[in-house]
Amino acid sequence: MSTTRKRKHKRSMDKEKYTIVWQECGEGSNFAARFYVPDFTGYLPFFLSGEEVDHLENKESVPLEERHLLFGLLYGWKHNGLFGNNVDKAVGGHLLEILRKGYGHKDFEELILNVACNIREANGSSPSRVVLESGLDIVPESSKIKSDLIMDLWELALAHSSFEKRNACLTEIVKLVRKVSFPEVLSRATEVISYYGLCSIVLLGEKEDVNEYLHSVVFPNLSDPLLKDKVKSLLECKAPNISDLKI
């Protein structure tokens, strides 16, 4: 008989709470066969959200579907090493390919962006960030994934009361912006992430990097008059507050 391992339930601000359930697949398991890995023994991750978590907490049955597995695979791929501890990545890659085809996505990049968007809308930027970080492990060259991850990191930086956690998000934004190939990203996203990169550099106090960043990233990519005004205000402000910088 299969058993489950549950992770702590989480809630992202006013979004739906979510959790990962690790469902055991024993030898010859019908459950494993149903989810396309008949010879697999171990645990598969399923991402549950909202009322599904309520049902789980009330010890009520929750039907596990392909969508739960897809979201769970991408959330668990890299987060806290869960995948390495519970599921071989070769199995995970095989399952993701089956699910990608089943959901009609042309490639892994499109699949990852779509899953992250769905999770962001329901559960907030914290879990979608994890999915996108997993995505960069799978498609490391994707500038679109980097762009969406920068957006999530900025939202998390805004939300963090911890100075240390906020700065960790800002530091990651600066690193990612430097790795983005801007022609591959939608023009509006290009402007926004260029601006958030500058905000991050200023908030981190890296004054020596501002001028180079302006010339290499901001000036070539920023055309929106309102954003240009915000850049001007940012550079003139001696002690900018992150809450005033959001677009």
C-alpha atoms as a PDB file:
ATOM      1  CA  MET A   1       0.000   0.000   0.000  1.00  0.00           C
ATOM      2  CA  SER A   2       1.277   3.463  -0.819  1.00  0.00           C
ATOM      3  CA  THR A   3       1.889   6.115   1.784  1.00  0.00           C
ATOM      4  CA  THR A   4       2.486   9.834   1.607  1.00  0.00           C
ATOM      5  CA  ARG A   5       4.974  12.230   3.133  1.00  0.00           C
ATOM      6  CA  LYS A   6       3.610  15.702   3.651  1.00  0.00           C
ATOM      7  CA  ARG A   7       5.565  18.924   3.790  1.00  0.00           C
ATOM      8  CA  LYS A   8       4.636  21.901   5.927  1.00  0.00           C
ATOM      9  CA  HIS A   9       1.776  23.908   4.445  1.00  0.00           C
ATOM     10  CA  LYS A  10       2.665  27.409   3.306  1.00  0.00           C
ATOM     11  CA  ARG A  11       0.770  30.537   2.422  1.00  0.00           C
ATOM     12  CA  SER A  12       2.158  33.404   0.352  1.00  0.00           C
ATOM     13  CA  MET A  13       0.716  36.683   1.670  1.00  0.00           C
ATOM     14  CA  ASP A  14      -3.027  36.701   0.774  1.00  0.00           C
ATOM     15  CA  LYS A  15      -2.711  33.923  -1.780  1.00  0.00           C
ATOM     16  CA  GLU A  16      -3.853  30.320  -1.521  1.00  0.00           C
ATOM     17  CA  LYS A  17      -1.852  28.073   0.786  1.00  0.00           C
ATOM     18  CA  TYR A  18       0.007  25.181  -0.806  1.00  0.00           C
ATOM     19  CA  THR A  19       1.912  22.072   0.073  1.00  0.00           C
ATOM     20  CA  ILE A  20       3.880  19.213  -1.465  1.00  0.00           C
ATOM     21  CA  VAL A  21       2.753  15.632  -0.915  1.00  0.00           C
ATOM     22  CA  TRP A  22       5.305  12.923  -1.623  1.00  0.00           C
ATOM     23  CA  GLN A  23       3.391   9.826  -2.722  1.00  0.00           C
ATOM     24  CA  GLU A  24       5.146   6.515  -2.336  1.00  0.00           C
ATOM     25  CA  CYS A  25       5.384   4.155  -5.282  1.00  0.00           C
ATOM     26  CA  GLY A  26       6.191   0.608  -4.219  1.00  0.00           C
ATOM     27  CA  GLU A  27       7.410  -2.236  -6.408  1.00  0.00           C
ATOM     28  CA  GLY A  28       4.772  -3.108  -8.990  1.00  0.00           C
ATOM     29  CA  SER A  29       2.677  -0.133  -7.879  1.00  0.00           C
ATOM     30  CA  ASN A  30      -0.458   0.623  -9.900  1.00  0.00           C
ATOM     31  CA  PHE A  31       0.027   4.250  -8.860  1.00  0.00           C
ATOM     32  CA  ALA A  32       3.476   4.392 -10.485  1.00  0.00           C
ATOM     33  CA  ALA A  33       2.098   2.809 -13.654  1.00  0.00           C
ATOM     34  CA  ARG A  34      -0.727   5.339 -13.765  1.00  0.00           C
ATOM     35  CA  PHE A  35       1.849   8.139 -13.745  1.00  0.00           C
ATOM     36  CA  TYR A  36       3.983   6.671 -16.521  1.00  0.00           C
ATOM     37  CA  VAL A  37       6.820   5.144 -14.462  1.00  0.00           C
ATOM     38  CA  PRO A  38       5.725   1.516 -13.890  1.00  0.00           C
ATOM     39  CA  ASP A  39       9.161   0.346 -12.723  1.00  0.00           C
ATOM     40  CA  PHE A  40       9.786   3.260 -10.379  1.00  0.00           C
ATOM     41  CA  THR A  41      10.088   2.745  -6.630  1.00  0.00           C
ATOM     42  CA  GLY A  42      10.309   5.780  -4.378  1.00  0.00           C
ATOM     43  CA  TYR A  43       8.314   8.981  -3.965  1.00  0.00           C
ATOM     44  CA  LEU A  44       6.714  11.319  -6.508  1.00  0.00           C
ATOM     45  CA  PRO A  45       5.949  14.963  -5.616  1.00  0.00           C
ATOM     46  CA  PHE A  46       2.430  16.405  -5.987  1.00  0.00           C
ATOM     47  CA  PHE A  47       1.698  20.120  -5.518  1.00  0.00           C
ATOM     48  CA  LEU A  48      -1.640  20.819  -3.807  1.00  0.00           C
ATOM     49  CA  SER A  49      -3.241  24.235  -3.385  1.00  0.00           C
ATOM     50  CA  GLY A  50      -6.173  26.002  -1.761  1.00  0.00           C
ATOM     51  CA  GLU A  51      -9.149  23.768  -0.929  1.00  0.00           C
ATOM     52  CA  GLU A  52      -7.047  20.708  -1.737  1.00  0.00           C
ATOM     53  CA  VAL A  53      -4.843  21.553   1.244  1.00  0.00           C
ATOM     54  CA  ASP A  54      -7.942  22.041   3.408  1.00  0.00           C
ATOM     55  CA  HIS A  55      -9.168  18.583   2.429  1.00  0.00           C
ATOM     56  CA  LEU A  56      -5.755  17.133   3.225  1.00  0.00           C
ATOM     57  CA  GLU A  57      -5.706  18.806   6.639  1.00  0.00           C
ATOM     58  CA  ASN A  58      -9.166  17.374   7.355  1.00  0.00           C
ATOM     59  CA  LYS A  59      -7.869  13.913   6.402  1.00  0.00           C
ATOM     60  CA  GLU A  60     -10.170  13.839   3.390  1.00  0.00           C
ATOM     61  CA  SER A  61      -9.268  12.191   0.107  1.00  0.00           C
ATOM     62  CA  VAL A  62      -7.628  14.363  -2.543  1.00  0.00           C
ATOM     63  CA  PRO A  63      -7.480  12.863  -6.065  1.00  0.00           C
ATOM     64  CA  LEU A  64      -3.961  13.264  -7.434  1.00  0.00           C
ATOM     65  CA  GLU A  65      -3.775  14.284 -11.096  1.00  0.00           C
ATOM     66  CA  GLU A  66      -1.176  14.982 -13.774  1.00  0.00           C
ATOM     67  CA  ARG A  67      -1.367  18.721 -13.054  1.00  0.00           C
ATOM     68  CA  HIS A  68      -0.417  18.124  -9.417  1.00  0.00           C
ATOM     69  CA  LEU A  69       2.529  16.003 -10.515  1.00  0.00           C
ATOM     70  CA  LEU A  70       3.712  18.538 -13.103  1.00  0.00           C
ATOM     71  CA  PHE A  71       3.625  21.383 -10.595  1.00  0.00           C
ATOM     72  CA  GLY A  72       5.230  19.173  -7.939  1.00  0.00           C
ATOM     73  CA  LEU A  73       8.045  18.075 -10.220  1.00  0.00           C
ATOM     74  CA  LEU A  74       8.974  21.661 -11.059  1.00  0.00           C
ATOM     75  CA  TYR A  75       8.622  22.873  -7.482  1.00  0.00           C
ATOM     76  CA  GLY A  76      10.612  19.942  -6.108  1.00  0.00           C
ATOM     77  CA  TRP A  77      13.263  19.795  -8.841  1.00  0.00           C
ATOM     78  CA  LYS A  78      15.782  21.955  -7.051  1.00  0.00           C
ATOM     79  CA  HIS A  79      14.107  23.343  -3.947  1.00  0.00           C
ATOM     80  CA  ASN A  80      16.020  22.310  -0.827  1.00  0.00           C
ATOM     81  CA  GLY A  81      17.462  19.312  -2.648  1.00  0.00           C
ATOM     82  CA  LEU A  82      14.130  17.506  -2.473  1.00  0.00           C
ATOM     83  CA  PHE A  83      14.526  15.988  -5.902  1.00  0.00           C
ATOM     84  CA  GLY A  84      17.945  14.607  -5.159  1.00  0.00           C
ATOM     85  CA  ASN A  85      16.645  13.023  -1.982  1.00  0.00           C
ATOM     86  CA  ASN A  86      13.441  11.529  -3.320  1.00  0.00           C
ATOM     87  CA  VAL A  87      13.367  11.214  -7.089  1.00  0.00           C
ATOM     88  CA  ASP A  88      16.098  10.476  -9.574  1.00  0.00           C
ATOM     89  CA  LYS A  89      16.357  13.380 -12.028  1.00  0.00           C
ATOM     90  CA  ALA A  90      16.356  10.976 -14.959  1.00  0.00           C
ATOM     91  CA  VAL A  91      12.897   9.858 -13.858  1.00  0.00           C
ATOM     92  CA  GLY A  92      11.891  13.488 -13.361  1.00  0.00           C
ATOM     93  CA  GLY A  93      13.092  14.454 -16.821  1.00  0.00           C
ATOM     94  CA  HIS A  94      11.216  11.529 -18.361  1.00  0.00           C
ATOM     95  CA  LEU A  95       8.011  12.575 -16.590  1.00  0.00           C
ATOM     96  CA  LEU A  96       8.400  16.225 -17.542  1.00  0.00           C
ATOM     97  CA  GLU A  97       8.790  15.276 -21.191  1.00  0.00           C
ATOM     98  CA  ILE A  98       5.603  13.184 -21.082  1.00  0.00           C
ATOM     99  CA  LEU A  99       3.685  15.965 -19.336  1.00  0.00           C
ATOM    100  CA  ARG A 100       5.073  18.637 -21.680  1.00  0.00           C
ATOM    101  CA  LYS A 101       3.739  16.756 -24.669  1.00  0.00           C
ATOM    102  CA  GLY A 102       0.480  15.974 -22.910  1.00  0.00           C
ATOM    103  CA  TYR A 103      -0.183  19.634 -22.148  1.00  0.00           C
ATOM    104  CA  GLY A 104       0.844  20.717 -25.644  1.00  0.00           C
ATOM    105  CA  HIS A 105       3.838  22.925 -24.839  1.00  0.00           C
ATOM    106  CA  LYS A 106       6.429  23.309 -27.597  1.00  0.00           C
ATOM    107  CA  ASP A 107       9.414  23.104 -25.236  1.00  0.00           C
ATOM    108  CA  PHE A 108      10.466  23.082 -21.587  1.00  0.00           C
ATOM    109  CA  GLU A 109      10.873  26.861 -21.496  1.00  0.00           C
ATOM    110  CA  GLU A 110       7.232  27.421 -22.412  1.00  0.00           C
ATOM    111  CA  LEU A 111       6.142  24.711 -19.963  1.00  0.00           C
ATOM    112  CA  ILE A 112       8.098  26.233 -17.069  1.00  0.00           C
ATOM    113  CA  LEU A 113       6.905  29.789 -17.746  1.00  0.00           C
ATOM    114  CA  ASN A 114       3.298  28.606 -17.893  1.00  0.00           C
ATOM    115  CA  VAL A 115       3.498  26.595 -14.668  1.00  0.00           C
ATOM    116  CA  ALA A 116       5.226  29.465 -12.844  1.00  0.00           C
ATOM    117  CA  CYS A 117       2.541  31.886 -14.053  1.00  0.00           C
ATOM    118  CA  ASN A 118      -0.260  29.621 -12.814  1.00  0.00           C
ATOM    119  CA  ILE A 119       1.392  29.121  -9.434  1.00  0.00           C
ATOM    120  CA  ARG A 120       2.142  32.847  -9.102  1.00  0.00           C
ATOM    121  CA  GLU A 121      -1.502  33.767  -9.698  1.00  0.00           C
ATOM    122  CA  ALA A 122      -2.776  31.239  -7.170  1.00  0.00           C
ATOM    123  CA  ASN A 123      -0.007  31.094  -4.571  1.00  0.00           C
ATOM    124  CA  GLY A 124       2.226  34.146  -5.000  1.00  0.00           C
ATOM    125  CA  SER A 125       5.805  34.867  -5.986  1.00  0.00           C
ATOM    126  CA  SER A 126       7.504  32.660  -3.405  1.00  0.00           C
ATOM    127  CA  PRO A 127       6.599  29.281  -4.965  1.00  0.00           C
ATOM    128  CA  SER A 128       6.747  30.600  -8.536  1.00  0.00           C
ATOM    129  CA  ARG A 129      10.289  31.738  -7.794  1.00  0.00           C
ATOM    130  CA  VAL A 130      11.155  28.152  -6.843  1.00  0.00           C
ATOM    131  CA  VAL A 131       9.663  26.843 -10.098  1.00  0.00           C
ATOM    132  CA  LEU A 132      11.667  29.361 -12.134  1.00  0.00           C
ATOM    133  CA  GLU A 133      14.865  28.476 -10.271  1.00  0.00           C
ATOM    134  CA  SER A 134      14.177  24.848 -11.144  1.00  0.00           C
ATOM    135  CA  GLY A 135      13.570  26.037 -14.685  1.00  0.00           C
ATOM    136  CA  LEU A 136      17.033  27.569 -14.911  1.00  0.00           C
ATOM    137  CA  ASP A 137      18.474  24.248 -13.828  1.00  0.00           C
ATOM    138  CA  ILE A 138      16.617  22.631 -16.740  1.00  0.00           C
ATOM    139  CA  VAL A 139      16.941  25.433 -19.345  1.00  0.00           C
ATOM    140  CA  PRO A 140      19.904  27.495 -18.086  1.00  0.00           C
ATOM    141  CA  GLU A 141      20.148  29.652 -21.220  1.00  0.00           C
ATOM    142  CA  SER A 142      16.552  30.953 -21.053  1.00  0.00           C
ATOM    143  CA  SER A 143      16.408  34.746 -20.739  1.00  0.00           C
ATOM    144  CA  LYS A 144      12.613  34.637 -20.461  1.00  0.00           C
ATOM    145  CA  ILE A 145      12.860  32.482 -17.346  1.00  0.00           C
ATOM    146  CA  LYS A 146      15.518  34.814 -15.932  1.00  0.00           C
ATOM    147  CA  SER A 147      13.266  37.807 -16.668  1.00  0.00           C
ATOM    148  CA  ASP A 148      10.261  36.316 -14.858  1.00  0.00           C
ATOM    149  CA  LEU A 149      12.494  35.268 -11.972  1.00  0.00           C
ATOM    150  CA  ILE A 150      13.747  38.861 -11.617  1.00  0.00           C
ATOM    151  CA  MET A 151      10.122  40.015 -11.355  1.00  0.00           C
ATOM    152  CA  ASP A 152       9.397  37.467  -8.624  1.00  0.00           C
ATOM    153  CA  LEU A 153      12.560  38.340  -6.721  1.00  0.00           C
ATOM    154  CA  TRP A 154      11.599  42.012  -6.778  1.00  0.00           C
ATOM    155  CA  GLU A 155       8.143  41.217  -5.361  1.00  0.00           C
ATOM    156  CA  LEU A 156       9.760  39.145  -2.619  1.00  0.00           C
ATOM    157  CA  ALA A 157      12.269  41.897  -1.854  1.00  0.00           C
ATOM    158  CA  LEU A 158       9.334  44.291  -1.424  1.00  0.00           C
ATOM    159  CA  ALA A 159       7.575  41.861   0.904  1.00  0.00           C
ATOM    160  CA  HIS A 160      10.528  40.873   3.113  1.00  0.00           C
ATOM    161  CA  SER A 161      10.733  42.580   6.480  1.00  0.00           C
ATOM    162  CA  SER A 162      14.149  41.009   6.981  1.00  0.00           C
ATOM    163  CA  PHE A 163      16.906  43.294   5.676  1.00  0.00           C
ATOM    164  CA  GLU A 164      19.128  40.272   5.064  1.00  0.00           C
ATOM    165  CA  LYS A 165      16.505  38.391   3.009  1.00  0.00           C
ATOM    166  CA  ARG A 166      15.615  41.522   1.059  1.00  0.00           C
ATOM    167  CA  ASN A 167      19.235  42.126   0.133  1.00  0.00           C
ATOM    168  CA  ALA A 168      19.665  38.483  -0.881  1.00  0.00           C
ATOM    169  CA  CYS A 169      16.843  38.951  -3.415  1.00  0.00           C
ATOM    170  CA  LEU A 170      18.332  42.218  -4.678  1.00  0.00           C
ATOM    171  CA  THR A 171      21.771  40.630  -5.058  1.00  0.00           C
ATOM    172  CA  GLU A 172      20.279  37.804  -7.098  1.00  0.00           C
ATOM    173  CA  ILE A 173      18.447  40.319  -9.306  1.00  0.00           C
ATOM    174  CA  VAL A 174      21.717  42.078 -10.142  1.00  0.00           C
ATOM    175  CA  LYS A 175      23.374  38.772 -11.051  1.00  0.00           C
ATOM    176  CA  LEU A 176      20.473  37.680 -13.243  1.00  0.00           C
ATOM    177  CA  VAL A 177      20.065  40.970 -15.124  1.00  0.00           C
ATOM    178  CA  ARG A 178      23.696  40.703 -16.200  1.00  0.00           C
ATOM    179  CA  LYS A 179      22.954  37.298 -17.742  1.00  0.00           C
ATOM    180  CA  VAL A 180      19.821  38.262 -19.680  1.00  0.00           C
ATOM    181  CA  SER A 181      19.939  38.435 -23.475  1.00  0.00           C
ATOM    182  CA  PHE A 182      17.586  41.395 -23.879  1.00  0.00           C
ATOM    183  CA  PRO A 183      16.588  40.759 -27.539  1.00  0.00           C
ATOM    184  CA  GLU A 184      15.006  37.480 -26.379  1.00  0.00           C
ATOM    185  CA  VAL A 185      12.723  39.218 -23.853  1.00  0.00           C
ATOM    186  CA  LEU A 186       9.523  41.177 -24.525  1.00  0.00           C
ATOM    187  CA  SER A 187      10.204  44.913 -24.792  1.00  0.00           C
ATOM    188  CA  ARG A 188       8.142  45.896 -21.730  1.00  0.00           C
ATOM    189  CA  ALA A 189       9.807  43.226 -19.617  1.00  0.00           C
ATOM    190  CA  THR A 190      13.195  44.463 -20.854  1.00  0.00           C
ATOM    191  CA  GLU A 191      12.437  47.949 -19.557  1.00  0.00           C
ATOM    192  CA  VAL A 192      11.110  46.750 -16.218  1.00  0.00           C
ATOM    193  CA  ILE A 193      13.955  44.373 -15.400  1.00  0.00           C
ATOM    194  CA  SER A 194      16.516  46.983 -16.475  1.00  0.00           C
ATOM    195  CA  TYR A 195      14.928  49.401 -14.023  1.00  0.00           C
ATOM    196  CA  TYR A 196      14.684  46.847 -11.198  1.00  0.00           C
ATOM    197  CA  GLY A 197      18.341  45.970 -11.736  1.00  0.00           C
ATOM    198  CA  LEU A 198      19.288  49.622 -11.261  1.00  0.00           C
ATOM    199  CA  CYS A 199      17.076  49.880  -8.184  1.00  0.00           C
ATOM    200  CA  SER A 200      18.780  46.813  -6.731  1.00  0.00           C
ATOM    201  CA  ILE A 201      22.269  48.201  -7.304  1.00  0.00           C
ATOM    202  CA  VAL A 202      21.326  51.513  -5.661  1.00  0.00           C
ATOM    203  CA  LEU A 203      19.566  49.884  -2.701  1.00  0.00           C
ATOM    204  CA  LEU A 204      22.560  47.609  -2.140  1.00  0.00           C
ATOM    205  CA  GLY A 205      24.792  50.682  -2.008  1.00  0.00           C
ATOM    206  CA  GLU A 206      26.967  49.577  -4.933  1.00  0.00           C
ATOM    207  CA  LYS A 207      27.572  53.148  -6.109  1.00  0.00           C
ATOM    208  CA  GLU A 208      30.681  52.267  -8.080  1.00  0.00           C
ATOM    209  CA  ASP A 209      28.571  50.067 -10.405  1.00  0.00           C
ATOM    210  CA  VAL A 210      25.811  52.568 -11.153  1.00  0.00           C
ATOM    211  CA  ASN A 211      27.437  54.474 -14.008  1.00  0.00           C
ATOM    212  CA  GLU A 212      28.543  51.355 -15.883  1.00  0.00           C
ATOM    213  CA  TYR A 213      25.087  49.790 -15.453  1.00  0.00           C
ATOM    214  CA  LEU A 214      23.361  52.917 -16.737  1.00  0.00           C
ATOM    215  CA  HIS A 215      25.407  52.891 -19.935  1.00  0.00           C
ATOM    216  CA  SER A 216      25.419  49.136 -20.569  1.00  0.00           C
ATOM    217  CA  VAL A 217      21.845  48.254 -19.547  1.00  0.00           C
ATOM    218  CA  VAL A 218      19.528  51.160 -18.746  1.00  0.00           C
ATOM    219  CA  PHE A 219      20.220  53.601 -21.586  1.00  0.00           C
ATOM    220  CA  PRO A 220      20.035  50.963 -24.375  1.00  0.00           C
ATOM    221  CA  ASN A 221      16.824  49.403 -23.047  1.00  0.00           C
ATOM    222  CA  LEU A 222      14.765  52.163 -21.401  1.00  0.00           C
ATOM    223  CA  SER A 223      12.457  54.311 -23.515  1.00  0.00           C
ATOM    224  CA  ASP A 224       9.341  54.697 -21.368  1.00  0.00           C
ATOM    225  CA  PRO A 225       9.116  58.368 -20.188  1.00  0.00           C
ATOM    226  CA  LEU A 226       7.640  57.421 -16.804  1.00  0.00           C
ATOM    227  CA  LEU A 227      10.414  54.925 -16.126  1.00  0.00           C
ATOM    228  CA  LYS A 228      13.006  57.490 -17.176  1.00  0.00           C
ATOM    229  CA  ASP A 229      11.513  59.894 -14.624  1.00  0.00           C
ATOM    230  CA  LYS A 230      11.692  57.176 -11.960  1.00  0.00           C
ATOM    231  CA  VAL A 231      15.340  56.548 -12.812  1.00  0.00           C
ATOM    232  CA  LYS A 232      16.061  60.264 -12.493  1.00  0.00           C
ATOM    233  CA  SER A 233      14.285  60.413  -9.112  1.00  0.00           C
ATOM    234  CA  LEU A 234      16.098  57.295  -7.933  1.00  0.00           C
ATOM    235  CA  LEU A 235      19.504  58.713  -8.769  1.00  0.00           C
ATOM    236  CA  GLU A 236      18.703  62.035  -7.079  1.00  0.00           C
ATOM    237  CA  CYS A 237      17.383  60.430  -3.871  1.00  0.00           C
ATOM    238  CA  LYS A 238      19.965  60.076  -1.099  1.00  0.00           C
ATOM    239  CA  ALA A 239      18.119  57.285   0.753  1.00  0.00           C
ATOM    240  CA  PRO A 240      15.549  55.628  -1.521  1.00  0.00           C
ATOM    241  CA  ASN A 241      12.856  53.429   0.025  1.00  0.00           C
ATOM    242  CA  ILE A 242      12.136  50.210  -1.838  1.00  0.00           C
ATOM    243  CA  SER A 243       8.384  50.634  -1.394  1.00  0.00           C
ATOM    244  CA  ASP A 244       8.539  53.855  -3.443  1.00  0.00           C
ATOM    245  CA  LEU A 245      10.317  52.220  -6.371  1.00  0.00           C
ATOM    246  CA  LYS A 246       7.734  49.703  -7.517  1.00  0.00           C
ATOM    247  CA  ILE A 247       6.262  50.319 -10.944  1.00  0.00           C
END
